[in-house]
């Protein structure tokens, strides 16, 4: 089914995602996806994962 999945198809999928989510949210989604992958890799390697990272907003409260 995915044997003929090449560059033109990837561009079409990317354009559809941009239309659905918009460029601004796409960056946030990418950052969340990267953070999730990093946490997954750390969990596989046995390192402690701090899911509740301290944010600047929580420091002031």
C-alpha atoms as a PDB file:
ATOM      1  CA  UNK A   1       0.000   0.000   0.000  1.00  0.00           C
ATOM      2  CA  UNK A   2       2.769   2.477   0.863  1.00  0.00           C
ATOM      3  CA  UNK A   3       5.207   1.232  -1.772  1.00  0.00           C
ATOM      4  CA  UNK A   4       4.734   4.262  -4.008  1.00  0.00           C
ATOM      5  CA  UNK A   5       4.811   6.847  -1.229  1.00  0.00           C
ATOM      6  CA  UNK A   6       7.336   9.391  -2.488  1.00  0.00           C
ATOM      7  CA  UNK A   7       8.151  13.082  -2.320  1.00  0.00           C
ATOM      8  CA  UNK A   8       5.016  14.355  -4.113  1.00  0.00           C
ATOM      9  CA  UNK A   9       2.794  12.454  -1.701  1.00  0.00           C
ATOM     10  CA  UNK A  10       4.712  13.796   1.314  1.00  0.00           C
ATOM     11  CA  UNK A  11       4.294  17.359   0.021  1.00  0.00           C
ATOM     12  CA  UNK A  12       0.552  16.831  -0.392  1.00  0.00           C
ATOM     13  CA  UNK A  13       0.238  15.441   3.147  1.00  0.00           C
ATOM     14  CA  UNK A  14       2.264  18.373   4.526  1.00  0.00           C
ATOM     15  CA  UNK A  15       0.043  20.888   2.722  1.00  0.00           C
ATOM     16  CA  UNK A  16      -3.088  19.218   4.106  1.00  0.00           C
ATOM     17  CA  UNK A  17      -1.659  19.316   7.645  1.00  0.00           C
ATOM     18  CA  UNK A  18      -0.775  23.013   7.253  1.00  0.00           C
ATOM     19  CA  UNK A  19      -4.295  23.802   6.036  1.00  0.00           C
ATOM     20  CA  UNK A  20      -5.895  21.893   8.924  1.00  0.00           C
ATOM     21  CA  UNK A  21      -3.691  23.090  11.790  1.00  0.00           C
ATOM     22  CA  UNK A  22      -2.177  26.313  10.482  1.00  0.00           C
ATOM     23  CA  UNK A  23       1.479  27.291  10.537  1.00  0.00           C
ATOM     24  CA  UNK A  24       1.464  28.556  14.149  1.00  0.00           C
ATOM     25  CA  UNK A  25       0.029  25.405  15.675  1.00  0.00           C
ATOM     26  CA  UNK A  26       2.233  23.243  13.462  1.00  0.00           C
ATOM     27  CA  UNK A  27       5.329  24.487  15.320  1.00  0.00           C
ATOM     28  CA  UNK A  28       3.747  23.714  18.682  1.00  0.00           C
ATOM     29  CA  UNK A  29       2.733  20.256  17.508  1.00  0.00           C
ATOM     30  CA  UNK A  30       6.286  19.616  16.303  1.00  0.00           C
ATOM     31  CA  UNK A  31       7.736  20.720  19.636  1.00  0.00           C
ATOM     32  CA  UNK A  32       5.349  18.465  21.563  1.00  0.00           C
ATOM     33  CA  UNK A  33       6.139  15.562  19.247  1.00  0.00           C
ATOM     34  CA  UNK A  34       9.874  16.098  19.734  1.00  0.00           C
ATOM     35  CA  UNK A  35       9.468  16.262  23.514  1.00  0.00           C
ATOM     36  CA  UNK A  36       7.446  13.048  23.454  1.00  0.00           C
ATOM     37  CA  UNK A  37      10.063  11.236  21.383  1.00  0.00           C
ATOM     38  CA  UNK A  38      12.830  12.466  23.699  1.00  0.00           C
ATOM     39  CA  UNK A  39      10.919  11.257  26.777  1.00  0.00           C
ATOM     40  CA  UNK A  40      10.275   7.916  25.095  1.00  0.00           C
ATOM     41  CA  UNK A  41      13.972   7.440  24.302  1.00  0.00           C
ATOM     42  CA  UNK A  42      14.960   8.383  27.851  1.00  0.00           C
ATOM     43  CA  UNK A  43      12.440   5.894  29.225  1.00  0.00           C
ATOM     44  CA  UNK A  44      13.844   3.156  26.995  1.00  0.00           C
ATOM     45  CA  UNK A  45      17.397   3.892  28.131  1.00  0.00           C
ATOM     46  CA  UNK A  46      16.314   3.732  31.794  1.00  0.00           C
ATOM     47  CA  UNK A  47      16.893   7.386  32.681  1.00  0.00           C
ATOM     48  CA  UNK A  48      14.441   9.128  35.011  1.00  0.00           C
ATOM     49  CA  UNK A  49      11.975  11.232  33.080  1.00  0.00           C
ATOM     50  CA  UNK A  50      10.551  14.366  34.704  1.00  0.00           C
ATOM     51  CA  UNK A  51       7.144  14.714  33.054  1.00  0.00           C
ATOM     52  CA  UNK A  52       6.283  17.845  35.018  1.00  0.00           C
ATOM     53  CA  UNK A  53       9.050  20.136  33.798  1.00  0.00           C
ATOM     54  CA  UNK A  54       9.171  23.332  35.797  1.00  0.00           C
ATOM     55  CA  UNK A  55       7.985  26.210  33.669  1.00  0.00           C
ATOM     56  CA  UNK A  56       8.559  29.938  34.255  1.00  0.00           C
ATOM     57  CA  UNK A  57       4.838  30.388  34.991  1.00  0.00           C
ATOM     58  CA  UNK A  58       4.926  27.908  37.882  1.00  0.00           C
ATOM     59  CA  UNK A  59       7.987  29.545  39.473  1.00  0.00           C
ATOM     60  CA  UNK A  60       6.173  32.836  40.066  1.00  0.00           C
ATOM     61  CA  UNK A  61       3.118  31.288  41.698  1.00  0.00           C
END
